[in-house]
Amino acid sequence: MSGPDSSQRILDHVRRLGEEHPPIALASVDREVHAPRRVAERYGHVIDYLARVELEVDRNVLELLVLLPDVSEVDRMFYADVWQPQEIQHGLILDRLQQDLGRPATEPHLEVSFTIKAMGALAHFSAIQDIARLLYYLTGASTERQAVLAYNVLHDGMTELGEPAIAETIIAPIRRQEPGHFAFYRMSATELVRSGALRPWQMYLARMLREKSYNLVGTNGRDEYRAQMGGVVTALGFDTDLERYAREVGRIEAQLLWAGAQGMEFPPYVLRALRESIDLYRERGFAAA
């Protein structure tokens, strides 16, 4: 269902996120680590990857300003008042953790890509901006789902390693905030598609662009990051059932973007991206990158 009621639900959701989930204060974190070397060996490169992705939120906001010059007030409220302040704290906290583990500080990539700039040149056309908005929502949903799954495994892993401070004062608070982000993107994409605002040619172009440009979280189309993501997927155990993982990550866009493809549980390009990342990891290793 779409219309005024669903639009109001999205606005209410964003306001609730801002009120109920303030950014996590660094001072709230218990930095006790019992076995830093053991944690670093098992999850150090995963923490580094997640820290980088979270700290790249400032570049993500710049990309949004390029792609959505006429951004709606609800979208602006979400990324400026909720998402960016929360995510930057996630990144700072995870980066502090990996330094506590004896690892170097992360190096976020903050340059807006040429592809984004090129698409931004067309964004002043409202029909193109509507397509960009849908792709933004779908990318956000995919990204946040990957984050939720990663933090779930990390929480269990830290508990198994006997690191309650990491599990309960770092990972648990972060993972509590990610589902609200996912819900925003899911609700917004659903509203946009089911409202009928996008014409058939716009949906067709959105499908083609999504298929050609899909990237796993944090890879930014770069092979070194894709190899690292393959290492993250492997370290977290998702490589043992890639189709199940692809289904979790790609379900929303299968339902909305590819609704006419009966029986599609996830778009093939999601599984392809996962396999390519794992292959690159096995070929290069995490640090080759």
Protein backbone atom coordinates (compact mmCIF):
# COMPACT_ATOMS: atom_id res chain seq x y z
CA MET A 1 0.00 0.00 0.00
CA SER A 2 1.23 3.48 -0.83
CA GLY A 3 -0.02 7.02 -0.51
CA PRO A 4 -0.30 9.63 2.27
CA ASP A 5 -0.53 7.01 5.02
CA SER A 6 2.65 5.20 3.98
CA SER A 7 4.49 8.51 3.50
CA GLN A 8 3.49 9.51 7.01
CA ARG A 9 4.68 6.16 8.36
CA ILE A 10 8.10 6.76 6.81
CA LEU A 11 8.30 10.23 8.33
CA ASP A 12 7.22 8.91 11.72
CA HIS A 13 9.83 6.16 11.45
CA VAL A 14 12.62 8.64 10.77
CA ARG A 15 11.56 10.86 13.67
CA ARG A 16 11.41 7.84 15.97
CA LEU A 17 14.90 6.74 14.93
CA GLY A 18 16.27 10.17 15.79
CA GLU A 19 14.53 10.26 19.16
CA GLU A 20 15.11 6.67 20.30
CA HIS A 21 18.57 5.99 18.86
CA PRO A 22 20.99 8.88 19.42
CA PRO A 23 24.56 8.43 18.13
CA ILE A 24 26.58 6.10 20.33
CA ALA A 25 29.01 8.05 22.50
CA LEU A 26 32.61 6.87 22.44
CA ALA A 27 32.67 7.31 26.22
CA SER A 28 29.95 4.65 26.57
CA VAL A 29 32.27 1.95 25.24
CA ASP A 30 34.06 -0.44 27.60
CA ARG A 31 37.47 -0.83 25.93
CA GLU A 32 38.55 -3.87 27.90
CA VAL A 33 39.96 -6.56 25.60
CA HIS A 34 41.14 -9.80 27.18
CA ALA A 35 43.04 -11.29 24.25
CA PRO A 36 43.73 -8.62 21.63
CA ARG A 37 45.98 -10.80 19.50
CA ARG A 38 43.40 -13.57 19.29
CA VAL A 39 40.61 -11.12 18.40
CA ALA A 40 42.83 -9.44 15.79
CA GLU A 41 43.76 -12.75 14.19
CA ARG A 42 40.15 -13.85 13.86
CA TYR A 43 38.32 -10.59 13.17
CA GLY A 44 40.87 -7.79 12.76
CA HIS A 45 40.46 -7.39 9.00
CA VAL A 46 36.66 -7.61 9.36
CA ILE A 47 36.65 -4.79 11.91
CA ASP A 48 38.95 -2.73 9.66
CA TYR A 49 36.61 -3.21 6.70
CA LEU A 50 33.51 -2.29 8.68
CA ALA A 51 35.24 0.75 10.21
CA ARG A 52 36.20 2.00 6.76
CA VAL A 53 32.70 1.52 5.39
CA GLU A 54 31.12 3.32 8.33
CA LEU A 55 33.61 6.20 8.11
CA GLU A 56 32.89 6.66 4.41
CA VAL A 57 29.47 8.00 5.30
CA ASP A 58 30.68 11.55 4.61
CA ARG A 59 31.45 10.59 1.01
CA ASN A 60 28.09 8.87 0.77
CA VAL A 61 26.37 12.11 1.77
CA LEU A 62 28.31 14.02 -0.89
CA GLU A 63 27.20 11.43 -3.44
CA LEU A 64 23.60 11.91 -2.39
CA LEU A 65 23.87 15.66 -2.84
CA VAL A 66 25.14 15.04 -6.38
CA LEU A 67 22.53 12.41 -7.29
CA LEU A 68 19.54 13.98 -5.54
CA PRO A 69 19.81 17.77 -5.90
CA ASP A 70 16.08 18.10 -5.13
CA VAL A 71 16.12 15.69 -2.23
CA SER A 72 12.87 15.30 -0.30
CA GLU A 73 12.66 16.61 3.26
CA VAL A 74 12.18 13.10 4.64
CA ASP A 75 15.29 11.81 2.85
CA ARG A 76 17.28 14.83 4.02
CA MET A 77 16.08 14.35 7.59
CA PHE A 78 17.08 10.70 7.47
CA TYR A 79 20.60 11.06 6.11
CA ALA A 80 21.48 14.35 7.84
CA ASP A 81 19.85 13.92 11.25
CA VAL A 82 19.87 10.14 11.75
CA TRP A 83 22.02 8.09 9.42
CA GLN A 84 25.19 10.19 9.12
CA PRO A 85 25.53 11.01 12.85
CA GLN A 86 24.94 7.37 13.82
CA GLU A 87 27.19 5.83 11.17
CA ILE A 88 30.14 8.14 11.78
CA GLN A 89 30.12 7.11 15.45
CA HIS A 90 30.01 3.45 14.45
CA GLY A 91 33.12 4.05 12.36
CA LEU A 92 34.99 5.97 15.05
CA ILE A 93 34.23 3.33 17.67
CA LEU A 94 35.26 0.41 15.43
CA ASP A 95 38.41 2.23 14.39
CA ARG A 96 39.31 2.81 18.04
CA LEU A 97 38.70 -0.89 18.69
CA GLN A 98 41.05 -2.03 15.96
CA GLN A 99 43.74 0.31 17.23
CA ASP A 100 43.22 -1.20 20.69
CA LEU A 101 43.90 -4.54 18.97
CA GLY A 102 47.27 -3.22 17.78
CA ARG A 103 46.17 -2.62 14.20
CA PRO A 104 46.69 0.62 12.23
CA ALA A 105 43.91 3.16 11.86
CA THR A 106 41.60 2.63 8.91
CA GLU A 107 41.85 4.74 5.77
CA PRO A 108 38.42 5.64 4.37
CA HIS A 109 38.04 6.43 0.69
CA LEU A 110 36.32 9.83 0.53
CA GLU A 111 36.56 10.81 -3.13
CA VAL A 112 33.31 10.88 -5.13
CA SER A 113 33.66 8.61 -8.16
CA PHE A 114 33.54 9.76 -11.77
CA THR A 115 30.48 7.54 -12.34
CA ILE A 116 28.54 9.37 -9.63
CA LYS A 117 29.60 12.74 -11.01
CA ALA A 118 28.54 11.71 -14.51
CA MET A 119 25.14 10.54 -13.34
CA GLY A 120 24.80 13.69 -11.28
CA ALA A 121 25.10 15.73 -14.46
CA LEU A 122 21.75 14.27 -15.51
CA ALA A 123 20.12 14.45 -12.09
CA HIS A 124 18.47 17.82 -12.74
CA PHE A 125 16.00 15.96 -14.97
CA SER A 126 13.23 14.86 -12.59
CA ALA A 127 12.68 11.53 -14.39
CA ILE A 128 16.36 10.63 -13.98
CA GLN A 129 16.36 11.78 -10.36
CA ASP A 130 13.45 9.45 -9.60
CA ILE A 131 15.49 6.54 -10.96
CA ALA A 132 18.49 7.65 -8.89
CA ARG A 133 16.27 7.81 -5.81
CA LEU A 134 15.10 4.23 -6.31
CA LEU A 135 18.68 3.02 -6.79
CA TYR A 136 19.69 4.92 -3.63
CA TYR A 137 17.01 3.14 -1.62
CA LEU A 138 17.90 -0.29 -3.04
CA THR A 139 21.60 0.26 -2.41
CA GLY A 140 20.84 1.34 1.15
CA ALA A 141 18.67 -1.71 1.79
CA SER A 142 21.32 -4.07 0.45
CA THR A 143 24.08 -2.33 2.41
CA GLU A 144 22.21 -2.29 5.71
CA ARG A 145 21.18 -5.93 5.38
CA GLN A 146 24.82 -6.89 4.87
CA ALA A 147 25.72 -4.84 7.95
CA VAL A 148 23.05 -6.47 10.13
CA LEU A 149 24.19 -9.96 9.14
CA ALA A 150 27.84 -9.09 9.77
CA TYR A 151 27.21 -7.60 13.21
CA ASN A 152 25.09 -10.61 14.21
CA VAL A 153 27.99 -12.96 13.51
CA LEU A 154 30.52 -10.61 15.12
CA HIS A 155 28.47 -10.41 18.30
CA ASP A 156 28.29 -14.18 18.60
CA GLY A 157 31.96 -14.50 17.71
CA MET A 158 33.10 -12.00 20.36
CA THR A 159 30.97 -13.77 22.94
CA GLU A 160 32.56 -17.11 22.02
CA LEU A 161 36.02 -15.55 22.32
CA GLY A 162 35.21 -14.38 25.86
CA GLU A 163 35.13 -10.68 24.98
CA PRO A 164 31.91 -9.42 26.62
CA ALA A 165 32.94 -5.75 26.55
CA ILE A 166 33.34 -5.80 22.77
CA ALA A 167 30.17 -7.82 22.27
CA GLU A 168 27.88 -5.84 24.56
CA THR A 169 29.21 -2.26 24.50
CA ILE A 170 30.38 -2.04 20.89
CA ILE A 171 28.76 -4.60 18.59
CA ALA A 172 25.36 -4.84 20.30
CA PRO A 173 24.64 -1.07 20.32
CA ILE A 174 25.75 -0.74 16.69
CA ARG A 175 23.63 -3.63 15.47
CA ARG A 176 20.58 -2.21 17.27
CA GLN A 177 20.74 0.87 15.05
CA GLU A 178 21.24 -0.81 11.67
CA PRO A 179 17.77 -2.44 11.30
CA GLY A 180 16.11 0.99 11.54
CA HIS A 181 18.19 2.16 8.59
CA PHE A 182 17.24 -0.95 6.61
CA ALA A 183 13.56 -0.38 7.40
CA PHE A 184 13.75 3.19 6.09
CA TYR A 185 15.21 2.09 2.76
CA ARG A 186 12.77 -0.80 2.43
CA MET A 187 9.74 1.36 3.19
CA SER A 188 10.93 4.16 0.91
CA ALA A 189 11.67 1.87 -2.05
CA THR A 190 8.33 0.13 -1.63
CA GLU A 191 6.47 3.43 -1.50
CA LEU A 192 8.22 4.75 -4.61
CA VAL A 193 7.58 1.63 -6.69
CA ARG A 194 4.03 0.93 -5.58
CA SER A 195 2.93 4.55 -5.84
CA GLY A 196 3.17 4.28 -9.62
CA ALA A 197 5.47 7.31 -9.78
CA LEU A 198 7.92 5.46 -12.00
CA ARG A 199 6.88 4.78 -15.58
CA PRO A 200 7.73 1.47 -17.31
CA TRP A 201 10.75 2.92 -19.11
CA GLN A 202 12.10 4.24 -15.80
CA MET A 203 11.75 0.83 -14.17
CA TYR A 204 13.45 -0.77 -17.16
CA LEU A 205 16.36 1.67 -16.97
CA ALA A 206 16.60 1.20 -13.21
CA ARG A 207 16.88 -2.57 -13.70
CA MET A 208 19.58 -2.19 -16.33
CA LEU A 209 21.58 0.32 -14.28
CA ARG A 210 21.30 -1.81 -11.16
CA GLU A 211 22.46 -4.93 -12.96
CA LYS A 212 25.47 -3.13 -14.46
CA SER A 213 26.50 -1.14 -11.38
CA TYR A 214 25.73 -3.44 -8.43
CA ASN A 215 28.48 -3.53 -5.80
CA LEU A 216 28.74 -5.23 -2.45
CA VAL A 217 28.98 -2.92 0.53
CA GLY A 218 32.21 -0.93 0.63
CA THR A 219 33.67 -2.27 -2.62
CA ASN A 220 33.10 0.89 -4.68
CA GLY A 221 33.87 -1.02 -7.88
CA ARG A 222 37.53 -1.45 -6.85
CA ASP A 223 39.18 -4.87 -7.04
CA GLU A 224 41.21 -4.37 -3.87
CA TYR A 225 38.04 -3.70 -1.89
CA ARG A 226 36.21 -6.54 -3.60
CA ALA A 227 38.99 -8.89 -2.51
CA GLN A 228 38.71 -7.56 1.02
CA MET A 229 34.95 -8.07 0.99
CA GLY A 230 35.54 -11.64 -0.13
CA GLY A 231 37.72 -12.04 2.94
CA VAL A 232 34.99 -10.60 5.17
CA VAL A 233 32.36 -12.94 3.70
CA THR A 234 34.72 -15.89 4.25
CA ALA A 235 35.73 -14.90 7.79
CA LEU A 236 32.09 -14.54 8.82
CA GLY A 237 31.19 -17.93 7.35
CA PHE A 238 28.76 -16.70 4.70
CA ASP A 239 30.75 -18.47 1.98
CA THR A 240 29.41 -21.83 3.17
CA ASP A 241 25.96 -21.03 1.75
CA LEU A 242 26.31 -18.16 -0.68
CA GLU A 243 22.83 -18.56 -2.14
CA ARG A 244 21.24 -18.15 1.27
CA TYR A 245 23.33 -15.04 1.87
CA ALA A 246 22.45 -13.64 -1.56
CA ARG A 247 18.79 -14.23 -0.79
CA GLU A 248 19.05 -12.24 2.43
CA VAL A 249 20.88 -9.38 0.71
CA GLY A 250 18.88 -9.24 -2.52
CA ARG A 251 15.34 -10.08 -1.46
CA ILE A 252 13.99 -6.52 -1.47
CA GLU A 253 15.14 -5.65 -4.96
CA ALA A 254 13.99 -9.04 -6.25
CA GLN A 255 10.52 -8.18 -4.96
CA LEU A 256 10.41 -4.58 -6.19
CA LEU A 257 12.72 -4.26 -9.18
CA TRP A 258 12.32 -7.73 -10.67
CA ALA A 259 8.76 -8.48 -9.59
CA GLY A 260 7.89 -9.76 -13.07
CA ALA A 261 10.49 -12.53 -12.87
CA GLN A 262 8.47 -15.27 -11.22
CA GLY A 263 10.34 -17.31 -8.64
CA MET A 264 13.36 -14.98 -8.44
CA GLU A 265 14.51 -14.97 -4.80
CA PHE A 266 17.46 -12.70 -5.49
CA PRO A 267 18.90 -11.05 -8.61
CA PRO A 268 21.70 -13.14 -10.20
CA TYR A 269 24.12 -10.20 -10.05
CA VAL A 270 24.16 -10.38 -6.23
CA LEU A 271 25.43 -13.97 -6.24
CA ARG A 272 27.83 -13.15 -9.07
CA ALA A 273 29.32 -10.25 -7.08
CA LEU A 274 29.78 -12.50 -4.05
CA ARG A 275 31.51 -15.22 -6.05
CA GLU A 276 33.79 -12.74 -7.78
CA SER A 277 34.78 -11.17 -4.45
CA ILE A 278 35.59 -14.53 -2.91
CA ASP A 279 37.60 -15.54 -5.99
CA LEU A 280 39.59 -12.31 -5.75
CA TYR A 281 40.21 -12.91 -2.05
CA ARG A 282 41.45 -16.44 -2.69
CA GLU A 283 43.71 -15.15 -5.45
CA ARG A 284 45.09 -12.07 -3.71
CA GLY A 285 44.43 -12.44 0.00
CA PHE A 286 42.91 -9.73 2.15
CA ALA A 287 45.85 -7.36 2.29
CA ALA A 288 46.62 -7.46 -1.41
CA ALA A 289 44.40 -5.40 -1.81
